[in-house]
Amino acid sequence: MQQGLKRDAHPTASSAMTQLKDIKKTLPLRVLSQQDWQHWITKGYVIVRQAVPPANVERLVEVLWAFDEKDPNDPSTWYAPQRREHKMKELNNTGMLEIYNHQYLWDNRMEPRIYGAFVDIWDREDMWVTIDRANLNPPKKIKGNPNGFIHWDVDTSLRPLPIGVQGVLSLKKQDGDVGGFQCVPALFEHFEEWEKTQPADRDPMHPDMASLSVVNIDMEPGDLMIFNSLLAHGVRPNHAENRVRMAQYISMHPAEFDNVAEREERIRLWRERDHPKREAFPGDPREWEKRNAATAVLTPLGEKLLGLTAW
């Protein structure tokens, strides 16, 4: 399921054969509008406004501060060293929080509006949610590259092109000062034509940005952004004076209930409050979740999104 991905945090869908932008809808749209759908298939991303209730955001923000042992009212606590080195070097010091199975994370995953948005994207109901983490990113002390970076999370030289989708739930206001998600929708829209103008040995993970324009994405707390893995994207640094950026990563992909090993591992991670055993996830050396949280209570939808019960 990880074939073709740079980060193994977001699986591709091995059972999917049609590129997401080429799907012909058979199910009625649940959450996205027709305008949203057109934006999704042409620009490669869509924003679901107020995808979760404000109360969900507020309580998760409180837990993430506690998990990271930082005081939201004391910026001097925001710059403690990361607890474990990432094997994927580009993830070092990016604010990743190794928390995966807390009840409040699951509450957002199980929100019907979140699920409905991914049903719209995939045009199918049998979804599994990714076991992913959160992020807390304070302002940069050292002002480096103000433009951040742009890359693909998949190898765009592969044929057929990988199929995948990712999602970010904003927990704090994301704007030009606080940084955050940025992307190149024109490149997604015109990728085939653009590729013909590039050298045969082009970097399949990083586009040549000489003639391309970057779009910065603003989001409010509770907004969910879903983007196609073929959308070139990146992160702008946080250059705000005293505001942090916070997010939860949420994505869904077609369920693979017959993949017994994967399903049993997902259930174990949930039950034992453990982290995925993959390169992108170093885990929490303190085992905070095991010591401070109970196994999340799942709704009937949550049981299906995990793989505990079949669709």
C-alpha atoms as a PDB file:
ATOM      1  CA  MET A   1       0.000   0.000   0.000  1.00  0.00           C
ATOM      2  CA  GLN A   2       2.944   2.324   0.278  1.00  0.00           C
ATOM      3  CA  GLN A   3       4.100   1.864  -3.299  1.00  0.00           C
ATOM      4  CA  GLY A   4       5.379   5.053  -4.867  1.00  0.00           C
ATOM      5  CA  LEU A   5       5.205   7.258  -1.795  1.00  0.00           C
ATOM      6  CA  LYS A   6       7.964   9.425  -0.399  1.00  0.00           C
ATOM      7  CA  ARG A   7       6.408   9.399   3.068  1.00  0.00           C
ATOM      8  CA  ASP A   8       4.768   6.189   4.188  1.00  0.00           C
ATOM      9  CA  ALA A   9       2.352   8.153   6.353  1.00  0.00           C
ATOM     10  CA  HIS A  10      -0.260   8.231   3.616  1.00  0.00           C
ATOM     11  CA  PRO A  11      -0.918   4.960   1.806  1.00  0.00           C
ATOM     12  CA  THR A  12      -1.942   4.777  -1.789  1.00  0.00           C
ATOM     13  CA  ALA A  13      -4.995   2.748  -2.614  1.00  0.00           C
ATOM     14  CA  SER A  14      -3.878  -0.506  -4.183  1.00  0.00           C
ATOM     15  CA  SER A  15      -7.505  -1.313  -5.059  1.00  0.00           C
ATOM     16  CA  ALA A  16      -8.025   1.979  -6.890  1.00  0.00           C
ATOM     17  CA  MET A  17      -7.411   1.956 -10.617  1.00  0.00           C
ATOM     18  CA  THR A  18      -8.772   5.341 -11.735  1.00  0.00           C
ATOM     19  CA  GLN A  19      -6.946   8.590 -11.044  1.00  0.00           C
ATOM     20  CA  LEU A  20      -8.975  10.619  -8.565  1.00  0.00           C
ATOM     21  CA  LYS A  21      -9.344  13.563 -10.939  1.00  0.00           C
ATOM     22  CA  ASP A  22     -10.838  11.240 -13.563  1.00  0.00           C
ATOM     23  CA  ILE A  23     -13.528   9.655 -11.380  1.00  0.00           C
ATOM     24  CA  LYS A  24     -17.023   9.852 -12.851  1.00  0.00           C
ATOM     25  CA  LYS A  25     -19.369  10.282  -9.920  1.00  0.00           C
ATOM     26  CA  THR A  26     -21.896   7.536  -9.215  1.00  0.00           C
ATOM     27  CA  LEU A  27     -22.767   8.533  -5.624  1.00  0.00           C
ATOM     28  CA  PRO A  28     -24.469  11.839  -4.796  1.00  0.00           C
ATOM     29  CA  LEU A  29     -22.223  14.446  -3.168  1.00  0.00           C
ATOM     30  CA  ARG A  30     -22.627  14.425   0.626  1.00  0.00           C
ATOM     31  CA  VAL A  31     -20.379  17.246   1.788  1.00  0.00           C
ATOM     32  CA  LEU A  32     -18.733  18.833  -1.237  1.00  0.00           C
ATOM     33  CA  SER A  33     -20.695  21.168  -3.470  1.00  0.00           C
ATOM     34  CA  GLN A  34     -20.566  20.797  -7.241  1.00  0.00           C
ATOM     35  CA  GLN A  35     -18.211  23.786  -7.269  1.00  0.00           C
ATOM     36  CA  ASP A  36     -16.021  22.086  -4.651  1.00  0.00           C
ATOM     37  CA  TRP A  37     -15.897  18.953  -6.800  1.00  0.00           C
ATOM     38  CA  GLN A  38     -14.824  20.864  -9.895  1.00  0.00           C
ATOM     39  CA  HIS A  39     -12.127  22.631  -7.888  1.00  0.00           C
ATOM     40  CA  TRP A  40     -10.928  19.272  -6.540  1.00  0.00           C
ATOM     41  CA  ILE A  41     -10.574  17.569  -9.917  1.00  0.00           C
ATOM     42  CA  THR A  42      -8.918  20.565 -11.614  1.00  0.00           C
ATOM     43  CA  LYS A  43      -6.790  22.169  -8.854  1.00  0.00           C
ATOM     44  CA  GLY A  44      -5.976  19.067  -6.813  1.00  0.00           C
ATOM     45  CA  TYR A  45      -7.263  20.229  -3.430  1.00  0.00           C
ATOM     46  CA  VAL A  46     -10.460  21.240  -1.679  1.00  0.00           C
ATOM     47  CA  ILE A  47     -11.249  22.840   1.692  1.00  0.00           C
ATOM     48  CA  VAL A  48     -14.176  21.623   3.789  1.00  0.00           C
ATOM     49  CA  ARG A  49     -15.051  24.540   6.037  1.00  0.00           C
ATOM     50  CA  GLN A  50     -15.944  23.753   9.663  1.00  0.00           C
ATOM     51  CA  ALA A  51     -15.514  20.025   9.180  1.00  0.00           C
ATOM     52  CA  VAL A  52     -15.569  19.437  12.950  1.00  0.00           C
ATOM     53  CA  PRO A  53     -17.323  21.311  15.786  1.00  0.00           C
ATOM     54  CA  PRO A  54     -15.370  24.053  17.623  1.00  0.00           C
ATOM     55  CA  ALA A  55     -15.507  22.009  20.843  1.00  0.00           C
ATOM     56  CA  ASN A  56     -13.575  19.198  19.134  1.00  0.00           C
ATOM     57  CA  VAL A  57     -10.858  21.649  18.136  1.00  0.00           C
ATOM     58  CA  GLU A  58     -10.569  23.262  21.560  1.00  0.00           C
ATOM     59  CA  ARG A  59     -10.227  20.048  23.539  1.00  0.00           C
ATOM     60  CA  LEU A  60      -7.707  18.549  21.098  1.00  0.00           C
ATOM     61  CA  VAL A  61      -5.595  21.732  21.230  1.00  0.00           C
ATOM     62  CA  GLU A  62      -5.510  21.452  25.022  1.00  0.00           C
ATOM     63  CA  VAL A  63      -4.430  17.809  24.874  1.00  0.00           C
ATOM     64  CA  LEU A  64      -1.682  18.530  22.334  1.00  0.00           C
ATOM     65  CA  TRP A  65      -0.169  21.237  24.551  1.00  0.00           C
ATOM     66  CA  ALA A  66      -0.207  18.787  27.463  1.00  0.00           C
ATOM     67  CA  PHE A  67       1.235  15.990  25.333  1.00  0.00           C
ATOM     68  CA  ASP A  68       4.116  18.194  24.199  1.00  0.00           C
ATOM     69  CA  GLU A  69       4.716  19.481  27.750  1.00  0.00           C
ATOM     70  CA  LYS A  70       4.503  23.090  26.592  1.00  0.00           C
ATOM     71  CA  ASP A  71       2.637  26.072  28.027  1.00  0.00           C
ATOM     72  CA  PRO A  72       0.483  27.930  25.471  1.00  0.00           C
ATOM     73  CA  ASN A  73       0.951  31.127  27.511  1.00  0.00           C
ATOM     74  CA  ASP A  74       4.732  30.860  27.842  1.00  0.00           C
ATOM     75  CA  PRO A  75       6.647  31.018  24.528  1.00  0.00           C
ATOM     76  CA  SER A  76       9.871  30.150  26.341  1.00  0.00           C
ATOM     77  CA  THR A  77       8.552  26.557  26.591  1.00  0.00           C
ATOM     78  CA  TRP A  78       7.821  26.230  22.874  1.00  0.00           C
ATOM     79  CA  TYR A  79      11.355  25.366  21.756  1.00  0.00           C
ATOM     80  CA  ALA A  80      12.247  22.199  23.661  1.00  0.00           C
ATOM     81  CA  PRO A  81      14.348  19.768  21.561  1.00  0.00           C
ATOM     82  CA  GLN A  82      12.461  17.054  19.724  1.00  0.00           C
ATOM     83  CA  ARG A  83      12.420  13.822  21.698  1.00  0.00           C
ATOM     84  CA  ARG A  84      13.511  11.430  18.969  1.00  0.00           C
ATOM     85  CA  GLU A  85      15.372  11.832  15.673  1.00  0.00           C
ATOM     86  CA  HIS A  86      13.412  11.214  12.483  1.00  0.00           C
ATOM     87  CA  LYS A  87      14.926   8.768  10.023  1.00  0.00           C
ATOM     88  CA  MET A  88      13.381  10.933   7.339  1.00  0.00           C
ATOM     89  CA  LYS A  89      15.590  13.964   7.895  1.00  0.00           C
ATOM     90  CA  GLU A  90      13.201  16.466   6.316  1.00  0.00           C
ATOM     91  CA  LEU A  91      10.776  15.808   9.194  1.00  0.00           C
ATOM     92  CA  ASN A  92      13.245  16.858  11.898  1.00  0.00           C
ATOM     93  CA  ASN A  93      12.197  19.972  13.809  1.00  0.00           C
ATOM     94  CA  THR A  94       8.955  20.325  11.880  1.00  0.00           C
ATOM     95  CA  GLY A  95       6.736  20.121  14.962  1.00  0.00           C
ATOM     96  CA  MET A  96       5.501  16.554  14.475  1.00  0.00           C
ATOM     97  CA  LEU A  97       3.724  15.219  17.568  1.00  0.00           C
ATOM     98  CA  GLU A  98       3.978  11.467  18.007  1.00  0.00           C
ATOM     99  CA  ILE A  99       0.397  11.050  19.230  1.00  0.00           C
ATOM    100  CA  TYR A 100      -1.803   8.696  17.235  1.00  0.00           C
ATOM    101  CA  ASN A 101      -4.737   7.129  19.059  1.00  0.00           C
ATOM    102  CA  HIS A 102      -6.066   9.562  21.649  1.00  0.00           C
ATOM    103  CA  GLN A 103      -9.840   9.723  21.953  1.00  0.00           C
ATOM    104  CA  TYR A 104      -9.906  13.302  20.674  1.00  0.00           C
ATOM    105  CA  LEU A 105      -8.001  12.327  17.522  1.00  0.00           C
ATOM    106  CA  TRP A 106     -10.486   9.542  16.923  1.00  0.00           C
ATOM    107  CA  ASP A 107     -13.451  11.835  17.609  1.00  0.00           C
ATOM    108  CA  ASN A 108     -12.414  13.958  14.635  1.00  0.00           C
ATOM    109  CA  ARG A 109     -11.743  10.928  12.444  1.00  0.00           C
ATOM    110  CA  MET A 110     -15.259   9.681  13.190  1.00  0.00           C
ATOM    111  CA  GLU A 111     -17.023  12.967  12.431  1.00  0.00           C
ATOM    112  CA  PRO A 112     -19.651  12.188   9.752  1.00  0.00           C
ATOM    113  CA  ARG A 113     -18.739  15.378   7.855  1.00  0.00           C
ATOM    114  CA  ILE A 114     -15.084  14.273   7.635  1.00  0.00           C
ATOM    115  CA  TYR A 115     -16.068  10.792   6.498  1.00  0.00           C
ATOM    116  CA  GLY A 116     -18.590  12.176   4.019  1.00  0.00           C
ATOM    117  CA  ALA A 117     -15.966  14.379   2.398  1.00  0.00           C
ATOM    118  CA  PHE A 118     -13.733  11.383   1.710  1.00  0.00           C
ATOM    119  CA  VAL A 119     -16.701   9.393   0.398  1.00  0.00           C
ATOM    120  CA  ASP A 120     -17.202  12.232  -2.068  1.00  0.00           C
ATOM    121  CA  ILE A 121     -13.518  12.184  -3.051  1.00  0.00           C
ATOM    122  CA  TRP A 122     -13.267   8.438  -3.599  1.00  0.00           C
ATOM    123  CA  ASP A 123     -16.882   7.894  -4.762  1.00  0.00           C
ATOM    124  CA  ARG A 124     -17.202   4.897  -2.452  1.00  0.00           C
ATOM    125  CA  GLU A 125     -18.290   4.302   1.135  1.00  0.00           C
ATOM    126  CA  ASP A 126     -15.924   1.556   2.337  1.00  0.00           C
ATOM    127  CA  MET A 127     -13.171   3.697   3.867  1.00  0.00           C
ATOM    128  CA  TRP A 128     -10.295   3.136   6.290  1.00  0.00           C
ATOM    129  CA  VAL A 129      -8.849   6.136   8.100  1.00  0.00           C
ATOM    130  CA  THR A 130      -5.083   6.537   8.341  1.00  0.00           C
ATOM    131  CA  ILE A 131      -3.495   6.197  11.790  1.00  0.00           C
ATOM    132  CA  ASP A 132      -1.659   9.498  11.699  1.00  0.00           C
ATOM    133  CA  ARG A 133      -0.499  12.191  14.098  1.00  0.00           C
ATOM    134  CA  ALA A 134      -0.648  15.917  14.826  1.00  0.00           C
ATOM    135  CA  ASN A 135       1.596  18.959  14.579  1.00  0.00           C
ATOM    136  CA  LEU A 136       2.528  21.918  16.757  1.00  0.00           C
ATOM    137  CA  ASN A 137       4.735  24.435  14.977  1.00  0.00           C
ATOM    138  CA  PRO A 138       5.953  27.574  16.819  1.00  0.00           C
ATOM    139  CA  PRO A 139       7.407  30.654  15.091  1.00  0.00           C
ATOM    140  CA  LYS A 140      10.871  30.197  13.649  1.00  0.00           C
ATOM    141  CA  LYS A 141      13.579  31.716  15.836  1.00  0.00           C
ATOM    142  CA  ILE A 142      16.016  31.790  12.929  1.00  0.00           C
ATOM    143  CA  LYS A 143      14.537  33.380   9.848  1.00  0.00           C
ATOM    144  CA  GLY A 144      15.565  31.043   7.072  1.00  0.00           C
ATOM    145  CA  ASN A 145      13.975  30.677   3.653  1.00  0.00           C
ATOM    146  CA  PRO A 146      10.738  32.698   3.917  1.00  0.00           C
ATOM    147  CA  ASN A 147       9.209  30.777   1.012  1.00  0.00           C
ATOM    148  CA  GLY A 148       9.525  27.301   2.478  1.00  0.00           C
ATOM    149  CA  PHE A 149       9.645  24.359   0.060  1.00  0.00           C
ATOM    150  CA  ILE A 150       7.657  22.608  -2.667  1.00  0.00           C
ATOM    151  CA  HIS A 151       7.772  18.881  -3.402  1.00  0.00           C
ATOM    152  CA  TRP A 152       5.676  15.841  -4.265  1.00  0.00           C
ATOM    153  CA  ASP A 153       5.113  13.051  -1.777  1.00  0.00           C
ATOM    154  CA  VAL A 154       5.020  10.553  -4.646  1.00  0.00           C
ATOM    155  CA  ASP A 155       7.435   9.699  -7.430  1.00  0.00           C
ATOM    156  CA  THR A 156       5.924  11.447 -10.452  1.00  0.00           C
ATOM    157  CA  SER A 157       8.077   9.462 -12.871  1.00  0.00           C
ATOM    158  CA  LEU A 158       6.179   6.237 -12.110  1.00  0.00           C
ATOM    159  CA  ARG A 159       3.656   4.912 -14.604  1.00  0.00           C
ATOM    160  CA  PRO A 160       0.902   4.463 -13.861  1.00  0.00           C
ATOM    161  CA  LEU A 161       1.060   7.462 -11.565  1.00  0.00           C
ATOM    162  CA  PRO A 162       0.411   6.645  -7.893  1.00  0.00           C
ATOM    163  CA  ILE A 163      -3.091   7.223  -6.547  1.00  0.00           C
ATOM    164  CA  GLY A 164      -3.438   8.760  -3.100  1.00  0.00           C
ATOM    165  CA  VAL A 165      -4.983  11.498  -1.044  1.00  0.00           C
ATOM    166  CA  GLN A 166      -3.986  13.362   2.125  1.00  0.00           C
ATOM    167  CA  GLY A 167      -5.775  15.611   4.570  1.00  0.00           C
ATOM    168  CA  VAL A 168      -4.948  18.291   7.146  1.00  0.00           C
ATOM    169  CA  LEU A 169      -7.386  19.500   9.814  1.00  0.00           C
ATOM    170  CA  SER A 170      -6.458  23.002  10.944  1.00  0.00           C
ATOM    171  CA  LEU A 171      -6.580  23.560  14.722  1.00  0.00           C
ATOM    172  CA  LYS A 172      -5.363  27.167  14.689  1.00  0.00           C
ATOM    173  CA  LYS A 173      -5.861  29.963  12.191  1.00  0.00           C
ATOM    174  CA  GLN A 174      -3.505  29.473   9.252  1.00  0.00           C
ATOM    175  CA  ASP A 175      -2.575  32.601   7.310  1.00  0.00           C
ATOM    176  CA  GLY A 176       0.378  34.321   5.669  1.00  0.00           C
ATOM    177  CA  ASP A 177       2.153  35.050   8.948  1.00  0.00           C
ATOM    178  CA  VAL A 178       1.766  31.699  10.649  1.00  0.00           C
ATOM    179  CA  GLY A 179       2.650  29.824   7.467  1.00  0.00           C
ATOM    180  CA  GLY A 180       1.384  26.396   6.589  1.00  0.00           C
ATOM    181  CA  PHE A 181       0.241  24.605   3.467  1.00  0.00           C
ATOM    182  CA  GLN A 182       1.176  25.960   0.057  1.00  0.00           C
ATOM    183  CA  CYS A 183       0.795  24.331  -3.347  1.00  0.00           C
ATOM    184  CA  VAL A 184       1.027  24.682  -7.134  1.00  0.00           C
ATOM    185  CA  PRO A 185      -2.482  23.987  -8.481  1.00  0.00           C
ATOM    186  CA  ALA A 186      -1.620  25.114 -12.024  1.00  0.00           C
ATOM    187  CA  LEU A 187       1.003  22.370 -12.217  1.00  0.00           C
ATOM    188  CA  PHE A 188      -1.557  19.773 -11.110  1.00  0.00           C
ATOM    189  CA  GLU A 189      -4.029  21.015 -13.686  1.00  0.00           C
ATOM    190  CA  HIS A 190      -1.530  21.018 -16.559  1.00  0.00           C
ATOM    191  CA  PHE A 191       0.914  18.322 -15.440  1.00  0.00           C
ATOM    192  CA  GLU A 192       0.981  16.339 -18.701  1.00  0.00           C
ATOM    193  CA  GLU A 193       1.729  19.438 -20.790  1.00  0.00           C
ATOM    194  CA  TRP A 194       4.301  20.712 -18.300  1.00  0.00           C
ATOM    195  CA  GLU A 195       6.094  17.354 -18.152  1.00  0.00           C
ATOM    196  CA  LYS A 196       6.673  17.432 -21.913  1.00  0.00           C
ATOM    197  CA  THR A 197       8.697  20.638 -21.473  1.00  0.00           C
ATOM    198  CA  GLN A 198      10.988  19.127 -18.846  1.00  0.00           C
ATOM    199  CA  PRO A 199      14.277  17.248 -19.331  1.00  0.00           C
ATOM    200  CA  ALA A 200      14.205  13.467 -19.263  1.00  0.00           C
ATOM    201  CA  ASP A 201      16.270  13.421 -16.054  1.00  0.00           C
ATOM    202  CA  ARG A 202      14.037  15.870 -14.164  1.00  0.00           C
ATOM    203  CA  ASP A 203      13.730  15.454 -10.395  1.00  0.00           C
ATOM    204  CA  PRO A 204      10.494  13.439  -9.953  1.00  0.00           C
ATOM    205  CA  MET A 205      10.083  14.641  -6.340  1.00  0.00           C
ATOM    206  CA  HIS A 206      10.792  18.379  -6.767  1.00  0.00           C
ATOM    207  CA  PRO A 207       9.447  20.463  -9.665  1.00  0.00           C
ATOM    208  CA  ASP A 208      11.519  23.190 -11.283  1.00  0.00           C
ATOM    209  CA  MET A 209       9.743  26.259  -9.893  1.00  0.00           C
ATOM    210  CA  ALA A 210      11.300  28.794 -12.288  1.00  0.00           C
ATOM    211  CA  SER A 211       8.053  29.479 -14.151  1.00  0.00           C
ATOM    212  CA  LEU A 212       5.520  28.269 -11.580  1.00  0.00           C
ATOM    213  CA  SER A 213       3.453  30.223  -9.052  1.00  0.00           C
ATOM    214  CA  VAL A 214       2.768  29.102  -5.488  1.00  0.00           C
ATOM    215  CA  VAL A 215      -0.644  29.496  -3.856  1.00  0.00           C
ATOM    216  CA  ASN A 216      -0.779  29.988  -0.081  1.00  0.00           C
ATOM    217  CA  ILE A 217      -3.780  28.429   1.656  1.00  0.00           C
ATOM    218  CA  ASP A 218      -5.613  30.173   4.513  1.00  0.00           C
ATOM    219  CA  MET A 219      -7.689  28.084   6.912  1.00  0.00           C
ATOM    220  CA  GLU A 220      -9.700  28.628  10.060  1.00  0.00           C
ATOM    221  CA  PRO A 221      -9.741  26.250  13.054  1.00  0.00           C
ATOM    222  CA  GLY A 222     -11.885  23.255  12.177  1.00  0.00           C
ATOM    223  CA  ASP A 223     -11.332  23.489   8.410  1.00  0.00           C
ATOM    224  CA  LEU A 224     -10.218  20.314   6.628  1.00  0.00           C
ATOM    225  CA  MET A 225      -8.067  20.493   3.529  1.00  0.00           C
ATOM    226  CA  ILE A 226      -7.899  17.405   1.327  1.00  0.00           C
ATOM    227  CA  PHE A 227      -5.296  17.238  -1.411  1.00  0.00           C
ATOM    228  CA  ASN A 228      -4.329  14.832  -4.155  1.00  0.00           C
ATOM    229  CA  SER A 229      -0.912  13.224  -3.677  1.00  0.00           C
ATOM    230  CA  LEU A 230      -0.024  14.394  -7.200  1.00  0.00           C
ATOM    231  CA  LEU A 231      -0.377  18.038  -6.120  1.00  0.00           C
ATOM    232  CA  ALA A 232       3.054  19.641  -5.682  1.00  0.00           C
ATOM    233  CA  HIS A 233       2.954  21.187  -2.231  1.00  0.00           C
ATOM    234  CA  GLY A 234       4.987  22.202   0.779  1.00  0.00           C
ATOM    235  CA  VAL A 235       5.071  24.248   3.961  1.00  0.00           C
ATOM    236  CA  ARG A 236       5.711  27.935   4.536  1.00  0.00           C
ATOM    237  CA  PRO A 237       7.643  28.630   7.752  1.00  0.00           C
ATOM    238  CA  ASN A 238       5.854  30.191  10.714  1.00  0.00           C
ATOM    239  CA  HIS A 239       7.087  33.793  10.870  1.00  0.00           C
ATOM    240  CA  ALA A 240       4.382  35.064  13.233  1.00  0.00           C
ATOM    241  CA  GLU A 241       5.478  36.890  16.353  1.00  0.00           C
ATOM    242  CA  ASN A 242       3.723  34.777  18.978  1.00  0.00           C
ATOM    243  CA  ARG A 243       1.294  32.370  17.288  1.00  0.00           C
ATOM    244  CA  VAL A 244       1.713  28.637  16.767  1.00  0.00           C
ATOM    245  CA  ARG A 245       0.386  26.555  13.922  1.00  0.00           C
ATOM    246  CA  MET A 246      -1.443  23.365  14.946  1.00  0.00           C
ATOM    247  CA  ALA A 247      -3.020  20.619  12.867  1.00  0.00           C
ATOM    248  CA  GLN A 248      -4.199  17.024  12.849  1.00  0.00           C
ATOM    249  CA  TYR A 249      -3.457  14.843   9.843  1.00  0.00           C
ATOM    250  CA  ILE A 250      -6.541  12.931   8.694  1.00  0.00           C
ATOM    251  CA  SER A 251      -6.905  10.932   5.506  1.00  0.00           C
ATOM    252  CA  MET A 252      -8.960   7.996   4.273  1.00  0.00           C
ATOM    253  CA  HIS A 253      -8.509   5.399   1.578  1.00  0.00           C
ATOM    254  CA  PRO A 254     -10.484   2.364   0.388  1.00  0.00           C
ATOM    255  CA  ALA A 255     -10.695  -0.331   3.055  1.00  0.00           C
ATOM    256  CA  GLU A 256      -8.807  -3.591   2.598  1.00  0.00           C
ATOM    257  CA  PHE A 257     -10.633  -5.803   5.062  1.00  0.00           C
ATOM    258  CA  ASP A 258      -9.212  -8.984   3.535  1.00  0.00           C
ATOM    259  CA  ASN A 259      -5.659  -7.779   4.226  1.00  0.00           C
ATOM    260  CA  VAL A 260      -5.590  -9.579   7.559  1.00  0.00           C
ATOM    261  CA  ALA A 261      -2.074  -8.565   8.619  1.00  0.00           C
ATOM    262  CA  GLU A 262      -2.716  -4.874   7.982  1.00  0.00           C
ATOM    263  CA  ARG A 263      -6.132  -4.961   9.637  1.00  0.00           C
ATOM    264  CA  GLU A 264      -4.834  -6.720  12.751  1.00  0.00           C
ATOM    265  CA  GLU A 265      -1.955  -4.249  13.040  1.00  0.00           C
ATOM    266  CA  ARG A 266      -4.342  -1.300  12.797  1.00  0.00           C
ATOM    267  CA  ILE A 267      -6.493  -2.772  15.551  1.00  0.00           C
ATOM    268  CA  ARG A 268      -3.434  -3.380  17.727  1.00  0.00           C
ATOM    269  CA  LEU A 269      -2.264   0.222  17.308  1.00  0.00           C
ATOM    270  CA  TRP A 270      -5.672   1.467  18.427  1.00  0.00           C
ATOM    271  CA  ARG A 271      -6.028  -0.956  21.335  1.00  0.00           C
ATOM    272  CA  GLU A 272      -2.478  -0.495  22.663  1.00  0.00           C
ATOM    273  CA  ARG A 273      -2.196   3.247  21.851  1.00  0.00           C
ATOM    274  CA  ASP A 274       0.928   2.547  19.815  1.00  0.00           C
ATOM    275  CA  HIS A 275       2.544   4.226  16.819  1.00  0.00           C
ATOM    276  CA  PRO A 276       2.808   2.741  13.308  1.00  0.00           C
ATOM    277  CA  LYS A 277       6.032   0.832  12.766  1.00  0.00           C
ATOM    278  CA  ARG A 278       7.105   2.752   9.664  1.00  0.00           C
ATOM    279  CA  GLU A 279      10.039   4.918   8.788  1.00  0.00           C
ATOM    280  CA  ALA A 280       8.134   8.197   9.015  1.00  0.00           C
ATOM    281  CA  PHE A 281       6.943   7.513  12.574  1.00  0.00           C
ATOM    282  CA  PRO A 282       9.668   7.405  15.238  1.00  0.00           C
ATOM    283  CA  GLY A 283       7.166   7.186  18.090  1.00  0.00           C
ATOM    284  CA  ASP A 284       7.141   8.792  21.517  1.00  0.00           C
ATOM    285  CA  PRO A 285       9.935   7.553  23.836  1.00  0.00           C
ATOM    286  CA  ARG A 286       7.845   8.551  26.884  1.00  0.00           C
ATOM    287  CA  GLU A 287       4.856   6.441  25.733  1.00  0.00           C
ATOM    288  CA  TRP A 288       2.618   9.298  26.883  1.00  0.00           C
ATOM    289  CA  GLU A 289      -0.523   7.855  25.333  1.00  0.00           C
ATOM    290  CA  LYS A 290      -0.111   4.511  27.060  1.00  0.00           C
ATOM    291  CA  ARG A 291       0.347   6.248  30.419  1.00  0.00           C
ATOM    292  CA  ASN A 292      -2.203   9.041  30.081  1.00  0.00           C
ATOM    293  CA  ALA A 293      -4.997   7.837  27.817  1.00  0.00           C
ATOM    294  CA  ALA A 294      -7.412   4.928  27.566  1.00  0.00           C
ATOM    295  CA  THR A 295      -8.178   3.034  24.390  1.00  0.00           C
ATOM    296  CA  ALA A 296     -10.468   5.276  22.359  1.00  0.00           C
ATOM    297  CA  VAL A 297     -14.170   4.435  22.345  1.00  0.00           C
ATOM    298  CA  LEU A 298     -15.323   3.975  18.772  1.00  0.00           C
ATOM    299  CA  THR A 299     -18.710   4.624  17.236  1.00  0.00           C
ATOM    300  CA  PRO A 300     -20.104   2.073  14.755  1.00  0.00           C
ATOM    301  CA  LEU A 301     -18.629   4.260  11.994  1.00  0.00           C
ATOM    302  CA  GLY A 302     -15.291   4.345  13.814  1.00  0.00           C
ATOM    303  CA  GLU A 303     -15.203   0.550  14.058  1.00  0.00           C
ATOM    304  CA  LYS A 304     -15.527   0.340  10.282  1.00  0.00           C
ATOM    305  CA  LEU A 305     -12.996   3.117   9.664  1.00  0.00           C
ATOM    306  CA  LEU A 306     -10.485   1.203  11.811  1.00  0.00           C
ATOM    307  CA  GLY A 307     -11.227  -2.249  10.409  1.00  0.00           C
ATOM    308  CA  LEU A 308     -12.695  -3.716  13.577  1.00  0.00           C
ATOM    309  CA  THR A 309     -15.888  -4.481  11.675  1.00  0.00           C
ATOM    310  CA  ALA A 310     -16.466  -4.920   7.954  1.00  0.00           C
ATOM    311  CA  TRP A 311     -18.349  -2.558   5.694  1.00  0.00           C
END
